[in-house]
Each structure stands twice: as structure tokens, then as C-alpha cells.
Protein backbone atom coordinates (compact mmCIF):
# COMPACT_ATOMS: atom_id res chain seq x y z
CA UNK A 1 -7.25 -0.44 -25.97
CA UNK A 2 -6.17 1.10 -22.46
CA UNK A 3 -2.55 1.98 -22.24
CA UNK A 4 -1.13 1.94 -18.81
CA UNK A 5 2.07 3.49 -17.07
CA UNK A 6 3.25 1.96 -13.91
CA UNK A 7 5.56 4.38 -11.99
CA UNK A 8 7.26 2.72 -9.22
CA UNK A 9 7.05 -0.62 -11.26
CA UNK A 10 9.79 -2.55 -9.61
CA UNK A 11 8.07 -2.38 -5.96
CA UNK A 12 6.08 -4.83 -4.31
CA UNK A 13 2.99 -3.49 -5.43
CA UNK A 14 4.37 -2.55 -8.81
CA UNK A 15 5.44 -5.81 -9.77
CA UNK A 16 1.95 -7.47 -8.76
CA UNK A 17 0.40 -4.86 -11.11
CA UNK A 18 2.58 -5.80 -14.03
CA UNK A 19 1.53 -9.43 -13.44
CA UNK A 20 -2.09 -8.56 -13.45
CA UNK A 21 -1.98 -6.63 -16.50
CA UNK A 22 -0.07 -9.06 -18.35
CA UNK A 23 -2.39 -11.70 -17.42
CA UNK A 24 -5.22 -9.47 -18.95
CA UNK A 25 -3.34 -8.87 -22.07
CA UNK A 26 -3.06 -5.17 -21.36
CA UNK A 27 -0.69 -2.88 -22.84
CA UNK A 28 1.71 -1.11 -20.29
CA UNK A 29 4.67 0.43 -19.68
CA UNK A 30 6.70 -0.26 -16.43
CA UNK A 31 9.19 2.28 -15.32
CA UNK A 32 10.92 1.39 -11.97
CA UNK A 33 13.06 4.61 -10.15
CA UNK A 34 16.05 3.98 -12.26
CA UNK A 35 13.99 4.63 -15.44
CA UNK A 36 11.97 7.52 -14.32
CA UNK A 37 12.77 10.36 -11.72
CA UNK A 38 9.12 11.36 -10.80
CA UNK A 39 10.56 14.64 -9.54
CA UNK A 40 11.45 15.76 -13.05
CA UNK A 41 8.37 17.15 -14.54
CA UNK A 42 9.78 17.03 -18.10
CA UNK A 43 10.81 13.38 -17.75
CA UNK A 44 7.63 12.58 -16.42
CA UNK A 45 5.69 14.25 -19.28
CA UNK A 46 7.82 12.59 -21.83
CA UNK A 47 7.18 9.22 -20.21
CA UNK A 48 3.37 9.79 -19.83
CA UNK A 49 2.89 10.53 -23.64
CA UNK A 50 0.45 8.18 -25.07
CA UNK A 51 -0.85 6.58 -21.85
CA UNK A 52 -4.34 6.56 -20.81
CA UNK A 53 -4.04 5.53 -17.20
CA UNK A 54 -1.06 6.22 -15.05
CA UNK A 55 -0.53 4.36 -11.92
CA UNK A 56 1.69 6.01 -9.25
CA UNK A 57 3.32 3.41 -7.02
CA UNK A 58 6.23 5.23 -6.62
CA UNK A 59 7.12 6.69 -3.14
CA UNK A 60 9.55 7.15 -0.58
CA UNK A 61 8.70 4.61 1.95
CA UNK A 62 11.43 4.81 4.62
CA UNK A 63 9.27 6.01 7.24
CA UNK A 64 11.79 6.61 9.92
CA UNK A 65 14.29 8.06 7.67
CA UNK A 66 11.92 10.54 6.61
CA UNK A 67 11.98 12.19 10.06
CA UNK A 68 15.44 13.61 9.12
CA UNK A 69 15.20 13.71 5.32
CA UNK A 70 11.66 15.17 4.76
CA UNK A 71 12.60 17.30 1.87
CA UNK A 72 13.40 14.24 -0.04
CA UNK A 73 10.33 12.49 1.01
CA UNK A 74 8.24 15.56 -0.07
CA UNK A 75 9.96 15.62 -3.28
CA UNK A 76 9.16 12.15 -4.25
CA UNK A 77 5.68 11.75 -2.46
CA UNK A 78 4.39 15.37 -2.96
CA UNK A 79 6.16 16.75 -5.91
CA UNK A 80 6.47 13.57 -7.72
CA UNK A 81 2.58 12.78 -7.32
CA UNK A 82 2.05 16.25 -8.55
CA UNK A 83 3.99 15.89 -11.94
CA UNK A 84 2.34 12.47 -12.61
CA UNK A 85 -1.15 14.01 -12.09
CA UNK A 86 -0.49 17.11 -14.22
CA UNK A 87 0.78 14.69 -17.11
CA UNK A 88 -2.33 12.70 -16.70
CA UNK A 89 -4.41 15.78 -17.11
CA UNK A 90 -2.45 17.03 -20.10
CA UNK A 91 -2.74 13.79 -21.80
CA UNK A 92 -6.41 13.59 -21.27
CA UNK A 93 -6.22 10.47 -18.89
CA UNK A 94 -6.43 9.33 -15.60
CA UNK A 95 -4.08 8.69 -12.52
CA UNK A 96 -4.36 6.26 -9.88
CA UNK A 97 -2.45 7.29 -6.98
CA UNK A 98 -1.53 5.04 -4.21
CA UNK A 99 -1.45 6.68 -0.69
CA UNK A 100 -1.62 5.52 2.79
CA UNK A 101 -3.26 5.33 6.28
CA UNK A 102 -0.55 7.42 7.47
CA UNK A 103 -2.22 10.80 6.55
CA UNK A 104 -4.67 10.02 9.72
CA UNK A 105 -3.37 10.45 13.10
CA UNK A 106 -4.45 6.80 14.49
CA UNK A 107 -6.57 8.35 17.42
CA UNK A 108 -9.92 7.21 15.95
CA UNK A 109 -12.09 4.62 17.27
CA UNK A 110 -14.02 3.64 14.14
CA UNK A 111 -13.08 3.17 10.65
CA UNK A 112 -11.83 6.29 8.85
CA UNK A 113 -14.07 7.40 5.82
CA UNK A 114 -12.61 8.55 2.96
CA UNK A 115 -13.57 12.03 3.80
CA UNK A 116 -12.07 12.00 7.29
CA UNK A 117 -9.69 14.96 7.87
CA UNK A 118 -6.19 14.16 7.25
CA UNK A 119 -3.98 14.69 10.23
CA UNK A 120 -0.86 13.16 9.63
CA UNK A 121 1.89 12.98 12.64
CA UNK A 122 5.07 11.84 10.87
CA UNK A 123 7.04 13.51 8.20
CA UNK A 124 6.22 10.34 5.81
CA UNK A 125 2.46 11.07 6.66
CA UNK A 126 2.87 14.67 5.77
CA UNK A 127 4.47 14.16 2.55
CA UNK A 128 1.79 11.89 1.47
CA UNK A 129 -1.12 13.96 2.52
CA UNK A 130 0.67 16.69 0.35
CA UNK A 131 0.75 14.36 -2.58
CA UNK A 132 -2.83 13.60 -2.22
CA UNK A 133 -3.70 17.15 -2.03
CA UNK A 134 -1.57 17.71 -5.02
CA UNK A 135 -2.96 15.10 -7.00
CA UNK A 136 -6.72 16.05 -6.29
CA UNK A 137 -5.95 19.72 -7.14
CA UNK A 138 -4.18 19.03 -10.21
CA UNK A 139 -6.72 16.80 -11.75
CA UNK A 140 -9.84 16.72 -10.19
CA UNK A 141 -11.97 15.05 -12.75
CA UNK A 142 -9.69 12.20 -13.42
CA UNK A 143 -7.72 11.51 -10.17
CA UNK A 144 -8.32 8.46 -7.81
CA UNK A 145 -6.49 8.71 -4.55
CA UNK A 146 -6.26 4.78 -3.21
CA UNK A 147 -5.18 4.69 0.34
CA UNK A 148 -3.99 1.25 1.47
CA UNK A 149 -2.02 -0.03 4.63
CA UNK A 150 -0.05 -2.90 6.07
CA UNK A 151 0.76 -4.45 2.68
CA UNK A 152 2.50 -7.81 2.39
CA UNK A 153 3.28 -9.85 -0.74
CA UNK A 154 5.75 -11.90 -2.77
CA UNK A 155 8.00 -9.25 -3.82
CA UNK A 156 10.39 -7.29 -1.47
CA UNK A 157 10.49 -7.16 2.42
CA UNK A 158 7.26 -6.81 4.27
CA UNK A 159 6.22 -7.98 7.85
CA UNK A 160 4.85 -11.06 7.04
CA UNK A 161 7.64 -12.33 5.23
CA UNK A 162 9.92 -11.05 8.20
CA UNK A 163 7.74 -12.88 10.74
CA UNK A 164 8.19 -16.33 8.56
CA UNK A 165 11.74 -15.85 8.52
CA UNK A 166 12.35 -14.95 12.24
CA UNK A 167 10.07 -17.99 13.47
CA UNK A 168 12.62 -20.05 11.70
CA UNK A 169 15.60 -18.48 13.74
CA UNK A 170 13.96 -18.19 17.13
CA UNK A 171 11.57 -20.09 19.53
CA UNK A 172 9.24 -17.20 19.81
CA UNK A 173 8.44 -13.89 18.19
CA UNK A 174 7.53 -10.83 20.05
CA UNK A 175 4.66 -8.76 18.29
CA UNK A 176 2.44 -5.59 19.42
CA UNK A 177 -1.07 -5.77 20.39
CA UNK A 178 -1.76 -2.12 20.68
CA UNK A 179 -1.54 -1.02 16.84
CA UNK A 180 -4.98 -2.18 14.75
CA UNK A 181 -5.04 -1.86 11.04
CA UNK A 182 -6.00 -4.18 7.94
CA UNK A 183 -3.36 -6.39 6.56
CA UNK A 184 -3.59 -6.20 2.79
CA UNK A 185 -2.25 -8.27 0.21
CA UNK A 186 -0.38 -6.60 -2.84
CA UNK A 187 -2.08 -9.09 -5.23
CA UNK A 188 -5.65 -7.91 -4.08
CA UNK A 189 -4.62 -4.49 -4.19
CA UNK A 190 -3.34 -4.53 -7.69
CA UNK A 191 -6.68 -6.46 -8.91
CA UNK A 192 -8.61 -3.57 -7.15
CA UNK A 193 -6.69 -0.80 -8.92
CA UNK A 194 -7.05 -2.38 -12.42
CA UNK A 195 -10.61 -3.06 -11.65
CA UNK A 196 -10.70 0.82 -10.68
CA UNK A 197 -9.24 1.79 -14.02
CA UNK A 198 -11.50 -0.05 -16.04
CA UNK A 199 -14.87 1.32 -14.45
CA UNK A 200 -16.73 4.39 -14.42
CA UNK A 201 -16.35 5.13 -10.85
CA UNK A 202 -16.07 8.75 -10.09
CA UNK A 203 -12.74 10.47 -9.30
CA UNK A 204 -12.04 11.10 -5.55
CA UNK A 205 -10.61 9.02 -2.42
CA UNK A 206 -11.05 5.30 -2.15
CA UNK A 207 -9.68 3.02 0.51
CA UNK A 208 -7.76 0.01 -0.68
CA UNK A 209 -7.56 -2.34 2.24
CA UNK A 210 -8.66 -5.87 2.75
CA UNK A 211 -11.71 -5.95 4.83
CA UNK A 212 -11.84 -6.75 8.53
CA UNK A 213 -9.33 -5.83 11.11
CA UNK A 214 -6.64 -7.10 13.50
CA UNK A 215 -3.82 -6.20 15.64
CA UNK A 216 -0.17 -7.07 14.34
CA UNK A 217 -0.15 -9.64 16.98
CA UNK A 218 -3.50 -11.14 15.80
CA UNK A 219 -2.24 -11.14 12.33
CA UNK A 220 0.93 -12.97 13.11
CA UNK A 221 -0.89 -15.64 14.85
CA UNK A 222 -3.24 -16.28 11.98
CA UNK A 223 -0.38 -16.10 9.60
CA UNK A 224 1.37 -18.80 11.63
CA UNK A 225 -1.68 -21.08 11.77
CA UNK A 226 -1.85 -20.94 8.06
CA UNK A 227 1.69 -21.62 7.87
CA UNK A 228 1.67 -24.66 10.22
CA UNK A 229 3.35 -23.06 13.05
CA UNK A 230 1.89 -22.85 16.72
CA UNK A 231 0.41 -19.36 17.19
CA UNK A 232 1.61 -19.72 20.85
CA UNK A 233 4.90 -18.99 19.70
CA UNK A 234 3.95 -15.29 19.14
CA UNK A 235 4.40 -13.37 22.18
CA UNK A 236 2.42 -10.24 23.07
CA UNK A 237 4.03 -6.99 23.74
CA UNK A 238 3.29 -3.21 23.04
CA UNK A 239 4.90 -0.24 21.06
CA UNK A 240 6.85 0.74 24.11
CA UNK A 241 9.37 -2.14 23.35
CA UNK A 242 9.90 -0.71 20.01
CA UNK A 243 10.71 3.05 19.91
CA UNK A 244 11.29 4.43 16.65
CA UNK A 245 11.87 7.93 15.34
CA UNK A 246 8.42 8.17 13.67
CA UNK A 247 5.24 7.64 15.32
CA UNK A 248 3.01 4.75 14.10
CA UNK A 249 -0.73 5.18 13.89
CA UNK A 250 -2.32 3.12 16.34
CA UNK A 251 -5.53 2.62 14.74
CA UNK A 252 -5.34 2.32 11.01
CA UNK A 253 -8.65 0.57 10.12
CA UNK A 254 -10.07 2.29 6.67
CA UNK A 255 -13.73 2.45 5.84
CA UNK A 256 -14.91 1.17 2.17
CA UNK A 257 -18.00 2.94 1.58
CA UNK A 258 -16.79 4.62 -1.57
CA UNK A 259 -16.67 1.43 -3.66
CA UNK A 260 -20.15 0.48 -2.70
CA UNK A 261 -21.20 3.92 -3.80
CA UNK A 262 -19.16 3.55 -7.22
CA UNK A 263 -20.89 0.01 -7.64
CA UNK A 264 -17.53 -1.81 -7.14
CA UNK A 265 -17.01 -4.66 -4.74
CA UNK A 266 -14.89 -3.69 -1.79
CA UNK A 267 -11.81 -6.13 -1.26
CA UNK A 268 -12.30 -9.39 0.66
CA UNK A 269 -11.60 -10.20 4.10
CA UNK A 270 -7.74 -10.37 5.03
CA UNK A 271 -7.94 -13.73 6.35
CA UNK A 272 -9.06 -15.03 3.09
CA UNK A 273 -6.31 -13.28 1.18
CA UNK A 274 -3.52 -14.78 3.71
CA UNK A 275 -4.87 -17.99 3.42
CA UNK A 276 -4.28 -17.92 -0.38
CA UNK A 277 -0.92 -16.42 -0.09
CA UNK A 278 0.27 -19.08 1.98
CA UNK A 279 -1.29 -21.98 0.03
CA UNK A 280 0.26 -20.51 -3.06
CA UNK A 281 3.86 -20.18 -1.64
CA UNK A 282 4.01 -16.48 -1.76
CA UNK A 283 4.45 -16.53 1.75
CA UNK A 284 6.49 -19.43 3.09
CA UNK A 285 8.75 -20.15 6.15
CA UNK A 286 12.39 -19.91 5.74
CA UNK A 287 14.64 -22.02 8.27
CA UNK A 288 13.48 -24.46 10.70
CA UNK A 289 10.34 -23.29 12.16
CA UNK A 290 9.48 -26.88 14.21
CA UNK A 291 10.54 -25.18 17.48
CA UNK A 292 13.11 -28.28 17.90
CA UNK A 293 16.52 -27.14 18.92
């Protein structure tokens, strides 16, 4: 029986991982930030004892704050990742480390391959890029780095839930048209990570995003269609209207060839995942979205 350790278990992805493993009858230990300080190597070693697979969903994710708190971001995203990889190696197990599209600069015009050079342009991206290097360097034979992006789900704040809340409060919402990526359901990502853990796929880098691509504007329009809201209530704008401390990649589309080479089906199209999220009630409107005032 495979024994899993989930670090960052109380986050949006971590909670879906718990549900997935529980539904499969798997044995797992779920540790949130209050339970495990990933920057403490001795604590990580103790927590990892007796586990075959470590899933690292722990991260410093405050992208803008990282610009002025880079050391804190590196402590969690780089040192913490390294500690977990070391513990996995010492236990003779594997680590699945969740990373991000922010390791790229967002200037590409075609999907980033798994082996594309990293070139982060934000403090958050730099910390995650160092985490990838540490994990792969410390445990090259037993480490999976899975990059994801544009995550949404039932637990915790995310863009999709914010849009459904705002449209219940306002006649329209303004959404950017000049950032392109892959909306990804945490339920789908959790499923893919567990599938990867149970496979004989080679160690290395994989891209864990739903297939297809969209701008934030197109994603919001589709979200509203699925939720029964007039998509014309989404107003196009561009990133110059939303200046933030950390730059956002304009192009975050990731290629999925590593899954195919490993004999694992890539994740489904983002539209199918979004439809199921709305139909299941994971994403629902709060307030009055009829447009009547």
C-alpha cells in the first residue's frame, strides 16, 4: 500500500488531493502550514518517515507580496521544496512538486515545452524556479515537477469564484484580453497527480494544466455562459488597467508532450472541466446576477 504525505494540505489543491485519495481508499497524512514548517529540515524529515510519496502543495503564493518579501518566498518555495526532496530521497520514495507557469517570462508565442529554459521575471517566479532546481537536483531519480497555472476550485479564493461573486454585485465586470493561458480545475490536477504517483512514468518535468487555451476575458465569458449569465456582461480591457507590483506572464500556455511520452493521458479540455465545476455546484453565483436593479 502506498503511503502519501501531502504538504500544504489545507490549500485549494491540497484539499482536493485529500478527497481524491480518500475516495480511492489510500493511506495519507495531510499536513497544513500549522502542522509542518517545510523550512525546518528536521521537522520535514520526521514528518516524511514511513511515507512513499510526498506531494508538495505547500507554497508562498502571494505573488505581489513576494516582490518585497523575496526571502520569505524563497524560504518556502525553494528551501522548503529542497527539504521535502531530501526527505523523499532519504526514505527511498518519490516527490511530486507542484510548480507554476511563472518560471517562464511569458513572451512565447507557442506552448512552452517541458524543457524550455526558465526565465522568471518576478520574485515569486524566481523562488519557484529555484524550488524546481532544488527538487530535481536533490532527487533526480525520484522527483516529478508538475507545473500548473490559472487554478480554480471549490476551496479558497480564486479568479473564477471572484468573478461569480462580482457579477452578483455589479452589472458588468472588466477582464483583461492580453493574458493567455490554461484555466485548470484543481479537481483535475489532483486526479492527474495521483495518477502520476501510481505510474511508472520517468522522473522529470510535466505540465499539469487543462488542455486548450483562453484569455482571462474568454474564460470569464465561458464561465458566465455555463452559469447562465449573459457573457456580454464581461467587458474587455487590458493589463494597463490593473498595474500590480509583480509582472504577470502574458502567455502561459504549457505543452503536454511529457504525459504522452510517459503513456499517461494529458488532462482534458478546460471547457469540459469548467462545465462540470458549474454543474456540480463547485462554482456558483453569489448574490443577484440577473442584471435587474
